[in-house]
Amino acid sequence: MSKGKKYVDSVKAYDKANLYEPQEALELTVGFAKAKFDETIELHVKLGVDSRHADQQVRGAVVLPHGTGKKVRVLVFAKGDKAKEAEAAGADFVGAEELIPKIQNENWFEYDIVVATPDMMGVVGRLGKVLGPKGLMPNPKAGTVTPDVTKAINDIKAGKIEYRLDKTNIIHCPIGKASFGAAKLKDNYAALMDAIIKAKPATSKGQYLRSVAVASTMGPGVKINPAKAAD
């Protein structure tokens, strides 16, 4: 696939092999975001763990100080007073069993995150094969299975993101938009990196941060020195 002229020009503007400090890497990445839309800036972290082992999973959630720049639509599975609480807290959709056929049969996915009260997980579990592959299954580690639906919704709307390893032991996460500028992106980057470092499994041996890079939606990746990634 041929790359666009802006991408090619960006690649010429920096040393692909160089390992940059976080601030400089983010400044370069913002400069490479030349599309007509507000590009998302993503962080990619390869870890020295094996995601096939349950005790080496790295997963959690963190509230980014400046949010993600994206409006997040929240679906809450709750009943009774908890359903009313979720509506009052600003959930975009609230429901229970009646949503199962809508999701299973009508492929209804007009939401970005699913929250459930613990008593609803029996119902939500029936949607595992549908929600799981899309990364939408509520999870206690991510704070999306909770009796405190107000806090869950507030955190998500404020910029809470979930991070988790993929099959190649890499975490991919948005840390904001190019329009945020390097300073705000650095705050978000630092919050996410801190969470990933603190989530290091006790069974992880050797170098934990294997590679770290940031990239805009349409721009090239800029490598960050893993030894200075937490700076």
Protein backbone atom coordinates (compact mmCIF):
# COMPACT_ATOMS: atom_id res chain seq x y z
CA MET A 1 0.00 0.00 0.00
CA SER A 2 1.48 3.36 -0.99
CA LYS A 3 1.78 6.00 1.71
CA GLY A 4 0.48 9.55 1.27
CA LYS A 5 2.78 12.52 0.67
CA LYS A 6 2.17 13.93 4.18
CA TYR A 7 3.13 10.60 5.75
CA VAL A 8 6.28 10.35 3.61
CA ASP A 9 7.27 13.93 4.49
CA SER A 10 6.76 13.20 8.17
CA VAL A 11 8.98 10.11 8.02
CA LYS A 12 11.75 12.19 6.44
CA ALA A 13 11.48 14.71 9.27
CA TYR A 14 12.75 12.44 12.03
CA ASP A 15 15.05 9.50 12.73
CA LYS A 16 12.93 6.33 12.75
CA ALA A 17 15.62 4.39 14.60
CA ASN A 18 16.09 6.96 17.36
CA LEU A 19 14.63 6.45 20.83
CA TYR A 20 13.17 9.74 22.01
CA GLU A 21 12.24 11.06 25.42
CA PRO A 22 8.44 11.17 25.97
CA GLN A 23 8.03 14.95 25.64
CA GLU A 24 10.00 15.15 22.38
CA ALA A 25 8.19 12.09 20.97
CA LEU A 26 4.80 13.65 21.67
CA GLU A 27 5.84 16.98 20.14
CA LEU A 28 6.93 15.17 16.97
CA THR A 29 3.72 13.12 16.88
CA VAL A 30 1.51 16.20 17.20
CA GLY A 31 3.49 17.81 14.39
CA PHE A 32 2.90 14.76 12.19
CA ALA A 33 -0.90 14.99 12.60
CA LYS A 34 -1.69 16.80 9.35
CA ALA A 35 -5.04 15.28 8.41
CA LYS A 36 -8.16 17.41 7.95
CA PHE A 37 -9.70 15.83 11.06
CA ASP A 38 -8.49 15.92 14.67
CA GLU A 39 -6.28 12.84 14.76
CA THR A 40 -6.24 10.53 17.78
CA ILE A 41 -2.87 10.02 19.45
CA GLU A 42 -2.26 6.42 20.51
CA LEU A 43 0.27 4.84 22.85
CA HIS A 44 1.61 1.36 22.04
CA VAL A 45 3.53 -0.53 24.73
CA LYS A 46 5.05 -3.99 24.21
CA LEU A 47 5.58 -5.78 27.52
CA GLY A 48 7.98 -8.54 28.54
CA VAL A 49 5.19 -10.83 29.73
CA ASP A 50 3.30 -13.78 28.24
CA SER A 51 -0.42 -13.04 27.97
CA ARG A 52 -1.14 -16.77 27.58
CA HIS A 53 -0.51 -17.18 31.31
CA ALA A 54 -3.28 -15.97 33.63
CA ASP A 55 -0.76 -14.70 36.20
CA GLN A 56 0.92 -12.51 33.57
CA GLN A 57 -2.16 -10.67 32.35
CA VAL A 58 -1.89 -6.88 32.49
CA ARG A 59 -5.26 -5.21 32.59
CA GLY A 60 -6.87 -2.29 34.35
CA ALA A 61 -8.34 1.16 33.92
CA VAL A 62 -7.19 4.71 34.51
CA VAL A 63 -8.82 8.15 34.29
CA LEU A 64 -6.83 10.36 31.91
CA PRO A 65 -6.42 13.88 33.40
CA HIS A 66 -7.60 15.55 30.17
CA GLY A 67 -9.93 12.82 28.90
CA THR A 68 -9.71 11.25 25.45
CA GLY A 69 -11.39 13.98 23.43
CA LYS A 70 -14.05 11.50 22.39
CA LYS A 71 -17.68 11.49 23.49
CA VAL A 72 -18.20 8.09 25.10
CA ARG A 73 -21.61 6.40 25.00
CA VAL A 74 -22.36 4.26 28.04
CA LEU A 75 -24.81 1.35 28.27
CA VAL A 76 -25.72 0.25 31.81
CA PHE A 77 -27.33 -3.06 32.70
CA ALA A 78 -29.30 -2.37 35.90
CA LYS A 79 -32.75 -2.72 37.44
CA GLY A 80 -34.98 -0.77 39.80
CA ASP A 81 -33.30 1.97 41.82
CA LYS A 82 -29.91 1.27 40.21
CA ALA A 83 -31.45 1.81 36.76
CA LYS A 84 -32.86 5.17 37.92
CA GLU A 85 -29.47 6.05 39.42
CA ALA A 86 -27.74 5.24 36.13
CA GLU A 87 -30.17 7.45 34.19
CA ALA A 88 -29.65 10.30 36.65
CA ALA A 89 -25.86 9.94 36.33
CA GLY A 90 -26.03 10.43 32.56
CA ALA A 91 -25.94 6.92 31.12
CA ASP A 92 -26.82 6.97 27.42
CA PHE A 93 -28.74 3.67 27.59
CA VAL A 94 -30.12 1.70 30.56
CA GLY A 95 -31.84 -1.68 30.50
CA ALA A 96 -31.94 -5.33 31.53
CA GLU A 97 -33.08 -8.63 29.95
CA GLU A 98 -35.10 -6.84 27.27
CA LEU A 99 -31.83 -5.65 25.67
CA ILE A 100 -30.57 -9.19 24.98
CA PRO A 101 -32.55 -9.84 21.75
CA LYS A 102 -31.85 -6.28 20.56
CA ILE A 103 -28.09 -6.90 20.89
CA GLN A 104 -28.08 -10.54 19.73
CA ASN A 105 -30.57 -10.33 16.88
CA GLU A 106 -30.35 -6.73 15.72
CA ASN A 107 -26.58 -6.24 16.13
CA TRP A 108 -27.19 -3.16 18.26
CA PHE A 109 -23.83 -1.62 19.19
CA GLU A 110 -24.50 2.11 19.46
CA TYR A 111 -22.42 2.37 22.67
CA ASP A 112 -18.72 2.36 23.52
CA ILE A 113 -18.63 0.94 27.07
CA VAL A 114 -20.91 -1.43 28.97
CA VAL A 115 -21.37 -1.19 32.75
CA ALA A 116 -23.30 -3.71 34.83
CA THR A 117 -24.34 -4.05 38.47
CA PRO A 118 -23.10 -7.37 39.96
CA ASP A 119 -26.64 -8.83 40.10
CA MET A 120 -26.99 -8.34 36.33
CA MET A 121 -23.90 -10.34 35.33
CA GLY A 122 -25.98 -13.51 34.93
CA VAL A 123 -27.93 -11.68 32.22
CA VAL A 124 -24.89 -10.01 30.66
CA GLY A 125 -23.01 -13.32 30.66
CA ARG A 126 -25.44 -14.60 28.03
CA LEU A 127 -24.02 -11.94 25.70
CA GLY A 128 -20.41 -13.03 26.21
CA LYS A 129 -19.94 -14.37 22.68
CA VAL A 130 -21.23 -11.10 21.23
CA LEU A 131 -19.73 -8.51 23.59
CA GLY A 132 -16.46 -10.34 24.32
CA PRO A 133 -14.87 -10.17 20.84
CA LYS A 134 -15.68 -6.44 20.67
CA GLY A 135 -14.00 -5.79 24.04
CA LEU A 136 -17.33 -4.65 25.51
CA MET A 137 -17.78 -7.27 28.24
CA PRO A 138 -18.02 -5.63 31.70
CA ASN A 139 -15.11 -6.56 33.97
CA PRO A 140 -14.53 -5.95 37.70
CA LYS A 141 -10.82 -5.10 37.10
CA ALA A 142 -11.86 -2.32 34.75
CA GLY A 143 -14.46 -1.04 37.22
CA THR A 144 -17.32 -1.78 34.85
CA VAL A 145 -18.94 -4.39 37.12
CA THR A 146 -19.90 -2.35 40.16
CA PRO A 147 -22.82 -1.45 42.43
CA ASP A 148 -21.66 2.20 42.28
CA VAL A 149 -23.00 3.02 38.82
CA THR A 150 -22.79 6.78 39.42
CA LYS A 151 -19.02 6.67 40.00
CA ALA A 152 -18.51 4.31 37.05
CA ILE A 153 -20.41 6.61 34.68
CA ASN A 154 -18.74 9.77 36.00
CA ASP A 155 -15.26 8.23 35.62
CA ILE A 156 -15.98 7.04 32.08
CA LYS A 157 -17.38 10.40 31.00
CA ALA A 158 -14.36 12.12 32.59
CA GLY A 159 -11.95 10.13 30.41
CA LYS A 160 -11.49 6.71 31.98
CA ILE A 161 -9.95 4.19 29.61
CA GLU A 162 -9.29 0.48 29.90
CA TYR A 163 -5.90 -0.96 29.02
CA ARG A 164 -5.26 -4.64 28.34
CA LEU A 165 -2.74 -6.86 26.59
CA ASP A 166 -3.52 -8.20 23.15
CA LYS A 167 -2.33 -11.63 21.96
CA THR A 168 1.05 -10.19 20.96
CA ASN A 169 1.64 -8.75 24.48
CA ILE A 170 1.06 -5.18 23.33
CA ILE A 171 -1.20 -2.56 24.93
CA HIS A 172 -2.80 -0.09 22.49
CA CYS A 173 -4.56 2.93 24.02
CA PRO A 174 -5.72 6.38 22.93
CA ILE A 175 -4.26 9.20 25.04
CA GLY A 176 -6.10 12.12 23.46
CA LYS A 177 -6.35 14.18 20.29
CA ALA A 178 -3.68 16.07 18.38
CA SER A 179 -5.50 19.32 19.24
CA PHE A 180 -4.68 18.74 22.94
CA GLY A 181 -1.07 19.74 22.30
CA ALA A 182 2.03 17.99 23.64
CA ALA A 183 1.70 19.25 27.25
CA LYS A 184 -1.79 17.80 27.89
CA LEU A 185 -0.90 14.63 26.00
CA LYS A 186 2.16 14.26 28.24
CA ASP A 187 -0.12 14.39 31.33
CA ASN A 188 -2.36 11.70 29.87
CA TYR A 189 0.63 9.63 28.75
CA ALA A 190 2.17 9.81 32.23
CA ALA A 191 -1.07 8.69 33.91
CA LEU A 192 -1.39 5.67 31.62
CA MET A 193 2.29 4.68 31.82
CA ASP A 194 2.20 4.93 35.61
CA ALA A 195 -0.80 2.58 35.71
CA ILE A 196 0.85 0.07 33.34
CA ILE A 197 4.09 0.06 35.36
CA LYS A 198 2.20 -0.42 38.65
CA ALA A 199 0.28 -3.33 37.05
CA LYS A 200 3.50 -5.30 36.46
CA PRO A 201 2.82 -8.94 37.40
CA ALA A 202 4.95 -10.41 40.19
CA THR A 203 5.83 -13.30 37.87
CA SER A 204 7.23 -11.01 35.16
CA LYS A 205 10.98 -11.52 34.75
CA GLY A 206 13.53 -9.49 32.82
CA GLN A 207 12.77 -6.24 31.00
CA TYR A 208 9.11 -5.29 31.54
CA LEU A 209 8.87 -2.40 29.05
CA ARG A 210 10.20 -3.89 25.79
CA SER A 211 9.16 -1.08 23.44
CA VAL A 212 7.11 2.11 23.69
CA ALA A 213 5.84 4.23 20.79
CA VAL A 214 3.30 6.97 20.08
CA ALA A 215 1.54 7.67 16.79
CA SER A 216 -1.27 9.78 15.38
CA THR A 217 -4.07 8.17 13.35
CA MET A 218 -2.44 8.92 9.99
CA GLY A 219 1.15 9.56 11.06
CA PRO A 220 4.23 7.37 11.60
CA GLY A 221 5.13 5.84 14.96
CA VAL A 222 7.73 7.59 17.11
CA LYS A 223 9.74 5.34 19.42
CA ILE A 224 10.28 6.26 23.08
CA ASN A 225 13.29 5.08 25.05
CA PRO A 226 11.84 2.38 27.37
CA ALA A 227 14.41 3.30 30.04
CA LYS A 228 13.00 6.84 30.13
CA ALA A 229 9.36 5.99 29.38
CA ALA A 230 8.26 6.81 32.93
CA ASP A 231 9.98 10.23 32.97
